[in-house]
PDB file of N, CA and C in Angstrom:
ATOM      1  N   MET A   1      14.177  59.252 -82.667  1.00  0.00           N
ATOM      2  CA  MET A   1      13.054  58.647 -82.003  1.00  0.00           C
ATOM      3  C   MET A   1      13.243  58.817 -80.497  1.00  0.00           C
ATOM      4  N   PRO A   2      12.241  59.356 -79.797  1.00  0.00           N
ATOM      5  CA  PRO A   2      12.383  59.559 -78.349  1.00  0.00           C
ATOM      6  C   PRO A   2      12.403  58.234 -77.603  1.00  0.00           C
ATOM      7  N   ILE A   3      13.119  58.231 -76.515  1.00  0.00           N
ATOM      8  CA  ILE A   3      13.196  57.049 -75.663  1.00  0.00           C
ATOM      9  C   ILE A   3      12.209  57.249 -74.523  1.00  0.00           C
ATOM     10  N   GLU A   4      11.312  56.279 -74.363  1.00  0.00           N
ATOM     11  CA  GLU A   4      10.341  56.352 -73.274  1.00  0.00           C
ATOM     12  C   GLU A   4      10.979  55.823 -72.000  1.00  0.00           C
ATOM     13  N   GLU A   5      10.737  56.528 -70.910  1.00  0.00           N
ATOM     14  CA  GLU A   5      11.269  56.076 -69.627  1.00  0.00           C
ATOM     15  C   GLU A   5      10.298  55.101 -68.988  1.00  0.00           C
ATOM     16  N   LEU A   6      10.855  54.040 -68.432  1.00  0.00           N
ATOM     17  CA  LEU A   6      10.055  53.063 -67.703  1.00  0.00           C
ATOM     18  C   LEU A   6      10.134  53.370 -66.220  1.00  0.00           C
ATOM     19  N   PRO A   7       9.071  53.097 -65.488  1.00  0.00           N
ATOM     20  CA  PRO A   7       9.149  53.265 -64.037  1.00  0.00           C
ATOM     21  C   PRO A   7      10.201  52.325 -63.460  1.00  0.00           C
ATOM     22  N   ALA A   8      10.909  52.771 -62.444  1.00  0.00           N
ATOM     23  CA  ALA A   8      11.992  51.986 -61.850  1.00  0.00           C
ATOM     24  C   ALA A   8      11.522  50.614 -61.403  1.00  0.00           C
ATOM     25  N   GLU A   9      10.290  50.501 -60.893  1.00  0.00           N
ATOM     26  CA  GLU A   9       9.825  49.200 -60.424  1.00  0.00           C
ATOM     27  C   GLU A   9       9.643  48.222 -61.575  1.00  0.00           C
ATOM     28  N   GLY A  10       9.468  48.696 -62.805  1.00  0.00           N
ATOM     29  CA  GLY A  10       9.303  47.828 -63.954  1.00  0.00           C
ATOM     30  C   GLY A  10      10.610  47.204 -64.415  1.00  0.00           C
ATOM     31  N   LEU A  11      11.736  47.681 -63.902  1.00  0.00           N
ATOM     32  CA  LEU A  11      13.024  47.191 -64.344  1.00  0.00           C
ATOM     33  C   LEU A  11      13.488  45.966 -63.572  1.00  0.00           C
ATOM     34  N   SER A  12      12.815  45.620 -62.484  1.00  0.00           N
ATOM     35  CA  SER A  12      13.282  44.513 -61.659  1.00  0.00           C
ATOM     36  C   SER A  12      12.386  43.280 -61.735  1.00  0.00           C
ATOM     37  N   ARG A  13      11.387  43.306 -62.575  1.00  0.00           N
ATOM     38  CA  ARG A  13      10.517  42.125 -62.709  1.00  0.00           C
ATOM     39  C   ARG A  13      10.537  41.656 -64.158  1.00  0.00           C
ATOM     40  N   PRO A  14      10.199  40.393 -64.401  1.00  0.00           N
ATOM     41  CA  PRO A  14      10.208  39.899 -65.777  1.00  0.00           C
ATOM     42  C   PRO A  14       9.297  40.733 -66.676  1.00  0.00           C
ATOM     43  N   THR A  15       9.796  41.016 -67.857  1.00  0.00           N
ATOM     44  CA  THR A  15       9.073  41.832 -68.824  1.00  0.00           C
ATOM     45  C   THR A  15       9.121  41.130 -70.174  1.00  0.00           C
ATOM     46  N   ALA A  16       8.019  41.192 -70.910  1.00  0.00           N
ATOM     47  CA  ALA A  16       7.940  40.544 -72.220  1.00  0.00           C
ATOM     48  C   ALA A  16       8.532  41.457 -73.295  1.00  0.00           C
ATOM     49  N   TYR A  17       9.371  40.860 -74.143  1.00  0.00           N
ATOM     50  CA  TYR A  17       9.984  41.571 -75.259  1.00  0.00           C
ATOM     51  C   TYR A  17       9.833  40.745 -76.515  1.00  0.00           C
ATOM     52  N   GLU A  18       9.826  41.422 -77.652  1.00  0.00           N
ATOM     53  CA  GLU A  18       9.987  40.799 -78.952  1.00  0.00           C
ATOM     54  C   GLU A  18      11.209  41.445 -79.591  1.00  0.00           C
ATOM     55  N   ILE A  19      12.165  40.630 -79.964  1.00  0.00           N
ATOM     56  CA  ILE A  19      13.423  41.103 -80.536  1.00  0.00           C
ATOM     57  C   ILE A  19      13.553  40.505 -81.931  1.00  0.00           C
ATOM     58  N   ARG A  20      13.732  41.375 -82.922  1.00  0.00           N
ATOM     59  CA  ARG A  20      13.845  40.916 -84.304  1.00  0.00           C
ATOM     60  C   ARG A  20      15.282  41.106 -84.780  1.00  0.00           C
ATOM     61  N   ILE A  21      15.830  40.050 -85.377  1.00  0.00           N
ATOM     62  CA  ILE A  21      17.173  40.114 -85.945  1.00  0.00           C
ATOM     63  C   ILE A  21      17.118  39.704 -87.414  1.00  0.00           C
ATOM     64  N   GLN A  22      18.086  40.205 -88.189  1.00  0.00           N
ATOM     65  CA  GLN A  22      18.161  39.867 -89.603  1.00  0.00           C
ATOM     66  C   GLN A  22      18.763  38.476 -89.762  1.00  0.00           C
ATOM     67  N   GLY A  23      18.168  37.672 -90.614  1.00  0.00           N
ATOM     68  CA  GLY A  23      18.669  36.326 -90.876  1.00  0.00           C
ATOM     69  C   GLY A  23      17.968  35.286 -90.028  1.00  0.00           C
ATOM     70  N   HIS A  24      18.262  34.043 -90.338  1.00  0.00           N
ATOM     71  CA  HIS A  24      17.690  32.920 -89.601  1.00  0.00           C
ATOM     72  C   HIS A  24      18.774  32.219 -88.806  1.00  0.00           C
ATOM     73  N   LEU A  25      18.413  31.713 -87.637  1.00  0.00           N
ATOM     74  CA  LEU A  25      19.337  30.990 -86.776  1.00  0.00           C
ATOM     75  C   LEU A  25      19.237  29.494 -87.060  1.00  0.00           C
ATOM     76  N   GLY A  26      20.369  28.821 -87.098  1.00  0.00           N
ATOM     77  CA  GLY A  26      20.368  27.369 -87.166  1.00  0.00           C
ATOM     78  C   GLY A  26      19.959  26.799 -85.821  1.00  0.00           C
ATOM     79  N   HIS A  27      19.709  25.496 -85.773  1.00  0.00           N
ATOM     80  CA  HIS A  27      19.277  24.862 -84.522  1.00  0.00           C
ATOM     81  C   HIS A  27      20.291  25.073 -83.397  1.00  0.00           C
ATOM     82  N   GLU A  28      21.587  24.982 -83.723  1.00  0.00           N
ATOM     83  CA  GLU A  28      22.604  25.129 -82.672  1.00  0.00           C
ATOM     84  C   GLU A  28      22.606  26.543 -82.088  1.00  0.00           C
ATOM     85  N   LEU A  29      22.407  27.568 -82.923  1.00  0.00           N
ATOM     86  CA  LEU A  29      22.373  28.939 -82.410  1.00  0.00           C
ATOM     87  C   LEU A  29      21.064  29.243 -81.696  1.00  0.00           C
ATOM     88  N   ALA A  30      19.981  28.646 -82.140  1.00  0.00           N
ATOM     89  CA  ALA A  30      18.689  28.855 -81.484  1.00  0.00           C
ATOM     90  C   ALA A  30      18.759  28.389 -80.029  1.00  0.00           C
ATOM     91  N   GLY A  31      19.587  27.393 -79.743  1.00  0.00           N
ATOM     92  CA  GLY A  31      19.761  26.905 -78.378  1.00  0.00           C
ATOM     93  C   GLY A  31      20.371  27.932 -77.442  1.00  0.00           C
ATOM     94  N   TRP A  32      21.035  28.934 -78.004  1.00  0.00           N
ATOM     95  CA  TRP A  32      21.616  30.009 -77.181  1.00  0.00           C
ATOM     96  C   TRP A  32      20.525  30.832 -76.504  1.00  0.00           C
ATOM     97  N   PHE A  33      19.318  30.767 -77.040  1.00  0.00           N
ATOM     98  CA  PHE A  33      18.238  31.621 -76.564  1.00  0.00           C
ATOM     99  C   PHE A  33      17.170  30.819 -75.842  1.00  0.00           C
ATOM    100  N   GLU A  34      17.623  29.869 -75.028  1.00  0.00           N
ATOM    101  CA  GLU A  34      16.730  29.006 -74.258  1.00  0.00           C
ATOM    102  C   GLU A  34      15.776  29.849 -73.425  1.00  0.00           C
ATOM    103  N   GLY A  35      14.514  29.442 -73.416  1.00  0.00           N
ATOM    104  CA  GLY A  35      13.507  30.162 -72.651  1.00  0.00           C
ATOM    105  C   GLY A  35      12.746  31.180 -73.483  1.00  0.00           C
ATOM    106  N   LEU A  36      13.235  31.473 -74.689  1.00  0.00           N
ATOM    107  CA  LEU A  36      12.546  32.396 -75.585  1.00  0.00           C
ATOM    108  C   LEU A  36      12.020  31.620 -76.783  1.00  0.00           C
ATOM    109  N   SER A  37      10.914  32.080 -77.338  1.00  0.00           N
ATOM    110  CA  SER A  37      10.461  31.482 -78.590  1.00  0.00           C
ATOM    111  C   SER A  37      11.365  32.016 -79.699  1.00  0.00           C
ATOM    112  N   VAL A  38      11.737  31.163 -80.622  1.00  0.00           N
ATOM    113  CA  VAL A  38      12.590  31.527 -81.756  1.00  0.00           C
ATOM    114  C   VAL A  38      11.814  31.175 -83.013  1.00  0.00           C
ATOM    115  N   THR A  39      11.412  32.206 -83.762  1.00  0.00           N
ATOM    116  CA  THR A  39      10.585  31.995 -84.937  1.00  0.00           C
ATOM    117  C   THR A  39      11.271  32.561 -86.172  1.00  0.00           C
ATOM    118  N   ALA A  40      11.527  31.696 -87.153  1.00  0.00           N
ATOM    119  CA  ALA A  40      12.071  32.137 -88.445  1.00  0.00           C
ATOM    120  C   ALA A  40      10.908  32.668 -89.269  1.00  0.00           C
ATOM    121  N   GLU A  41      10.949  33.941 -89.591  1.00  0.00           N
ATOM    122  CA  GLU A  41       9.874  34.580 -90.341  1.00  0.00           C
ATOM    123  C   GLU A  41      10.132  34.460 -91.845  1.00  0.00           C
ATOM    124  N   GLU A  42       9.068  34.527 -92.634  1.00  0.00           N
ATOM    125  CA  GLU A  42       9.172  34.405 -94.084  1.00  0.00           C
ATOM    126  C   GLU A  42       9.962  35.546 -94.713  1.00  0.00           C
ATOM    127  N   ASP A  43      10.056  36.682 -94.033  1.00  0.00           N
ATOM    128  CA  ASP A  43      10.766  37.841 -94.593  1.00  0.00           C
ATOM    129  C   ASP A  43      12.280  37.765 -94.385  1.00  0.00           C
ATOM    130  N   GLY A  44      12.758  36.630 -93.881  1.00  0.00           N
ATOM    131  CA  GLY A  44      14.199  36.461 -93.697  1.00  0.00           C
ATOM    132  C   GLY A  44      14.711  36.935 -92.355  1.00  0.00           C
ATOM    133  N   THR A  45      13.814  37.253 -91.428  1.00  0.00           N
ATOM    134  CA  THR A  45      14.213  37.668 -90.086  1.00  0.00           C
ATOM    135  C   THR A  45      13.890  36.575 -89.085  1.00  0.00           C
ATOM    136  N   THR A  46      14.425  36.721 -87.889  1.00  0.00           N
ATOM    137  CA  THR A  46      14.110  35.821 -86.777  1.00  0.00           C
ATOM    138  C   THR A  46      13.519  36.659 -85.663  1.00  0.00           C
ATOM    139  N   LEU A  47      12.429  36.182 -85.092  1.00  0.00           N
ATOM    140  CA  LEU A  47      11.776  36.862 -83.981  1.00  0.00           C
ATOM    141  C   LEU A  47      12.017  36.048 -82.719  1.00  0.00           C
ATOM    142  N   LEU A  48      12.626  36.693 -81.726  1.00  0.00           N
ATOM    143  CA  LEU A  48      12.822  36.105 -80.398  1.00  0.00           C
ATOM    144  C   LEU A  48      11.782  36.739 -79.495  1.00  0.00           C
ATOM    145  N   GLY A  49      11.046  35.952 -78.748  1.00  0.00           N
ATOM    146  CA  GLY A  49      10.014  36.519 -77.887  1.00  0.00           C
ATOM    147  C   GLY A  49       9.903  35.802 -76.576  1.00  0.00           C
ATOM    148  N   GLY A  50       9.526  36.555 -75.556  1.00  0.00           N
ATOM    149  CA  GLY A  50       9.283  35.956 -74.255  1.00  0.00           C
ATOM    150  C   GLY A  50       9.623  36.886 -73.119  1.00  0.00           C
ATOM    151  N   LEU A  51       9.570  36.343 -71.917  1.00  0.00           N
ATOM    152  CA  LEU A  51       9.864  37.118 -70.721  1.00  0.00           C
ATOM    153  C   LEU A  51      11.363  37.162 -70.472  1.00  0.00           C
ATOM    154  N   ILE A  52      11.848  38.341 -70.131  1.00  0.00           N
ATOM    155  CA  ILE A  52      13.247  38.543 -69.771  1.00  0.00           C
ATOM    156  C   ILE A  52      13.255  39.057 -68.342  1.00  0.00           C
ATOM    157  N   ALA A  53      14.068  38.440 -67.504  1.00  0.00           N
ATOM    158  CA  ALA A  53      14.013  38.652 -66.054  1.00  0.00           C
ATOM    159  C   ALA A  53      14.187  40.110 -65.636  1.00  0.00           C
ATOM    160  N   ASP A  54      15.161  40.793 -66.210  1.00  0.00           N
ATOM    161  CA  ASP A  54      15.441  42.166 -65.804  1.00  0.00           C
ATOM    162  C   ASP A  54      16.363  42.818 -66.833  1.00  0.00           C
ATOM    163  N   GLN A  55      16.776  44.048 -66.579  1.00  0.00           N
ATOM    164  CA  GLN A  55      17.621  44.768 -67.530  1.00  0.00           C
ATOM    165  C   GLN A  55      18.972  44.098 -67.715  1.00  0.00           C
ATOM    166  N   ALA A  56      19.522  43.521 -66.671  1.00  0.00           N
ATOM    167  CA  ALA A  56      20.807  42.825 -66.798  1.00  0.00           C
ATOM    168  C   ALA A  56      20.668  41.632 -67.749  1.00  0.00           C
ATOM    169  N   ALA A  57      19.575  40.891 -67.630  1.00  0.00           N
ATOM    170  CA  ALA A  57      19.337  39.757 -68.521  1.00  0.00           C
ATOM    171  C   ALA A  57      19.122  40.234 -69.960  1.00  0.00           C
ATOM    172  N   LEU A  58      18.451  41.372 -70.129  1.00  0.00           N
ATOM    173  CA  LEU A  58      18.253  41.923 -71.468  1.00  0.00           C
ATOM    174  C   LEU A  58      19.595  42.281 -72.104  1.00  0.00           C
ATOM    175  N   HIS A  59      20.468  42.906 -71.346  1.00  0.00           N
ATOM    176  CA  HIS A  59      21.790  43.253 -71.875  1.00  0.00           C
ATOM    177  C   HIS A  59      22.603  41.996 -72.206  1.00  0.00           C
ATOM    178  N   GLY A  60      22.479  40.955 -71.395  1.00  0.00           N
ATOM    179  CA  GLY A  60      23.154  39.692 -71.690  1.00  0.00           C
ATOM    180  C   GLY A  60      22.633  39.085 -72.982  1.00  0.00           C
ATOM    181  N   LEU A  61      21.328  39.160 -73.193  1.00  0.00           N
ATOM    182  CA  LEU A  61      20.724  38.651 -74.418  1.00  0.00           C
ATOM    183  C   LEU A  61      21.222  39.441 -75.627  1.00  0.00           C
ATOM    184  N   LEU A  62      21.327  40.753 -75.486  1.00  0.00           N
ATOM    185  CA  LEU A  62      21.824  41.581 -76.586  1.00  0.00           C
ATOM    186  C   LEU A  62      23.280  41.257 -76.909  1.00  0.00           C
ATOM    187  N   ARG A  63      24.074  40.906 -75.888  1.00  0.00           N
ATOM    188  CA  ARG A  63      25.461  40.475 -76.145  1.00  0.00           C
ATOM    189  C   ARG A  63      25.479  39.181 -76.949  1.00  0.00           C
ATOM    190  N   LYS A  64      24.575  38.251 -76.631  1.00  0.00           N
ATOM    191  CA  LYS A  64      24.496  37.001 -77.389  1.00  0.00           C
ATOM    192  C   LYS A  64      24.146  37.285 -78.847  1.00  0.00           C
ATOM    193  N   ILE A  65      23.203  38.183 -79.067  1.00  0.00           N
ATOM    194  CA  ILE A  65      22.810  38.540 -80.432  1.00  0.00           C
ATOM    195  C   ILE A  65      24.003  39.136 -81.170  1.00  0.00           C
ATOM    196  N   ARG A  66      24.756  39.976 -80.502  1.00  0.00           N
ATOM    197  CA  ARG A  66      25.963  40.549 -81.100  1.00  0.00           C
ATOM    198  C   ARG A  66      26.951  39.438 -81.444  1.00  0.00           C
ATOM    199  N   ASP A  67      27.121  38.485 -80.538  1.00  0.00           N
ATOM    200  CA  ASP A  67      28.074  37.392 -80.749  1.00  0.00           C
ATOM    201  C   ASP A  67      27.673  36.491 -81.921  1.00  0.00           C
ATOM    202  N   VAL A  68      26.379  36.340 -82.167  1.00  0.00           N
ATOM    203  CA  VAL A  68      25.908  35.567 -83.306  1.00  0.00           C
ATOM    204  C   VAL A  68      26.310  36.261 -84.606  1.00  0.00           C
ATOM    205  N   GLY A  69      26.397  37.582 -84.575  1.00  0.00           N
ATOM    206  CA  GLY A  69      26.827  38.344 -85.739  1.00  0.00           C
ATOM    207  C   GLY A  69      25.713  38.711 -86.695  1.00  0.00           C
ATOM    208  N   LEU A  70      24.463  38.569 -86.262  1.00  0.00           N
ATOM    209  CA  LEU A  70      23.335  38.960 -87.102  1.00  0.00           C
ATOM    210  C   LEU A  70      22.844  40.342 -86.669  1.00  0.00           C
ATOM    211  N   PRO A  71      22.533  41.213 -87.619  1.00  0.00           N
ATOM    212  CA  PRO A  71      22.109  42.575 -87.284  1.00  0.00           C
ATOM    213  C   PRO A  71      20.803  42.613 -86.492  1.00  0.00           C
ATOM    214  N   LEU A  72      20.795  43.442 -85.474  1.00  0.00           N
ATOM    215  CA  LEU A  72      19.609  43.695 -84.664  1.00  0.00           C
ATOM    216  C   LEU A  72      18.707  44.655 -85.425  1.00  0.00           C
ATOM    217  N   ILE A  73      17.445  44.294 -85.585  1.00  0.00           N
ATOM    218  CA  ILE A  73      16.495  45.157 -86.284  1.00  0.00           C
ATOM    219  C   ILE A  73      15.659  45.956 -85.295  1.00  0.00           C
ATOM    220  N   SER A  74      15.096  45.271 -84.285  1.00  0.00           N
ATOM    221  CA  SER A  74      14.239  45.987 -83.343  1.00  0.00           C
ATOM    222  C   SER A  74      14.109  45.243 -82.025  1.00  0.00           C
ATOM    223  N   ILE A  75      13.787  46.018 -80.997  1.00  0.00           N
ATOM    224  CA  ILE A  75      13.445  45.480 -79.680  1.00  0.00           C
ATOM    225  C   ILE A  75      12.133  46.148 -79.302  1.00  0.00           C
ATOM    226  N   VAL A  76      11.116  45.345 -79.031  1.00  0.00           N
ATOM    227  CA  VAL A  76       9.811  45.887 -78.685  1.00  0.00           C
ATOM    228  C   VAL A  76       9.423  45.388 -77.301  1.00  0.00           C
ATOM    229  N   LEU A  77       9.158  46.336 -76.411  1.00  0.00           N
ATOM    230  CA  LEU A  77       8.630  46.010 -75.094  1.00  0.00           C
ATOM    231  C   LEU A  77       7.149  45.728 -75.267  1.00  0.00           C
ATOM    232  N   VAL A  78       6.717  44.537 -74.884  1.00  0.00           N
ATOM    233  CA  VAL A  78       5.306  44.173 -74.985  1.00  0.00           C
ATOM    234  C   VAL A  78       4.642  44.634 -73.699  1.00  0.00           C
ATOM    235  N   GLN A  79       3.743  45.579 -73.840  1.00  0.00           N
ATOM    236  CA  GLN A  79       3.076  46.161 -72.678  1.00  0.00           C
ATOM    237  C   GLN A  79       2.251  45.107 -71.950  1.00  0.00           C
ATOM    238  N   PRO A  80       2.192  45.184 -70.613  1.00  0.00           N
ATOM    239  CA  PRO A  80       1.418  44.197 -69.844  1.00  0.00           C
ATOM    240  C   PRO A  80      -0.032  44.096 -70.287  1.00  0.00           C
ATOM    241  N   SER A  81      -0.606  45.190 -70.774  1.00  0.00           N
ATOM    242  CA  SER A  81      -2.001  45.155 -71.199  1.00  0.00           C
ATOM    243  C   SER A  81      -2.170  44.466 -72.551  1.00  0.00           C
ATOM    244  N   GLU A  82      -1.061  44.301 -73.296  1.00  0.00           N
ATOM    245  CA  GLU A  82      -1.118  43.618 -74.581  1.00  0.00           C
ATOM    246  C   GLU A  82      -0.839  42.134 -74.360  1.00  0.00           C
ATOM    247  N   PRO A  83      -1.690  41.261 -74.866  1.00  0.00           N
ATOM    248  CA  PRO A  83      -1.374  39.834 -74.724  1.00  0.00           C
ATOM    249  C   PRO A  83      -0.146  39.502 -75.553  1.00  0.00           C
ATOM    250  N   HIS A  84       0.746  38.695 -74.987  1.00  0.00           N
ATOM    251  CA  HIS A  84       1.923  38.257 -75.734  1.00  0.00           C
ATOM    252  C   HIS A  84       1.445  37.261 -76.772  1.00  0.00           C
ATOM    253  N   PRO A  85       1.668  37.560 -78.061  1.00  0.00           N
ATOM    254  CA  PRO A  85       1.116  36.677 -79.090  1.00  0.00           C
ATOM    255  C   PRO A  85       1.697  35.271 -79.015  1.00  0.00           C
ATOM    256  N   VAL A  86       0.834  34.311 -79.195  1.00  0.00           N
ATOM    257  CA  VAL A  86       1.278  32.918 -79.229  1.00  0.00           C
ATOM    258  C   VAL A  86       1.701  32.619 -80.660  1.00  0.00           C
ATOM    259  N   ARG A  87       2.923  32.177 -80.822  1.00  0.00           N
ATOM    260  CA  ARG A  87       3.449  31.900 -82.154  1.00  0.00           C
ATOM    261  C   ARG A  87       3.306  30.410 -82.449  1.00  0.00           C
ATOM    262  N   SER A  88       3.000  30.106 -83.674  1.00  0.00           N
ATOM    263  CA  SER A  88       2.934  28.700 -84.066  1.00  0.00           C
ATOM    264  C   SER A  88       4.345  28.161 -84.187  1.00  0.00           C
ATOM    265  N   SER A  89       4.466  26.851 -84.176  1.00  0.00           N
ATOM    266  CA  SER A  89       5.789  26.248 -84.326  1.00  0.00           C
ATOM    267  C   SER A  89       6.217  26.230 -85.788  1.00  0.00           C
ATOM    268  N   LYS A  90       5.318  26.582 -86.698  1.00  0.00           N
ATOM    269  CA  LYS A  90       5.644  26.619 -88.116  1.00  0.00           C
ATOM    270  C   LYS A  90       6.721  27.672 -88.346  1.00  0.00           C
ATOM    271  N   GLY A  91       7.804  27.281 -88.999  1.00  0.00           N
ATOM    272  CA  GLY A  91       8.867  28.212 -89.307  1.00  0.00           C
ATOM    273  C   GLY A  91       9.874  28.400 -88.194  1.00  0.00           C
ATOM    274  N   LYS A  92       9.763  27.618 -87.129  1.00  0.00           N
ATOM    275  CA  LYS A  92      10.744  27.750 -86.050  1.00  0.00           C
ATOM    276  C   LYS A  92      12.104  27.302 -86.528  1.00  0.00           C
ATOM    277  N   ALA A  93      13.123  28.000 -86.076  1.00  0.00           N
ATOM    278  CA  ALA A  93      14.508  27.631 -86.433  1.00  0.00           C
ATOM    279  C   ALA A  93      14.984  26.531 -85.519  1.00  0.00           C
TER     280      ALA A  93
END
């Protein structure tokens, strides 16, 4: 899969991401991801969503996901022209 290049100016401002991991997080682990929405999906995955300050913060978040020990499924950059979906609190971990 080709990697799309982002303009350099897009790397220094908050950007919306949706990150999907396998498994569900307990309440104590969900607290590790303060500032992001944490949604336990019916398919057995957890969706983390929200604004991430910059690439350094994204890498820090990925380290936390690694430390939790749950497999990373996907990282999706939410384009500015796409509205960031509002998730219901139903199914939150």
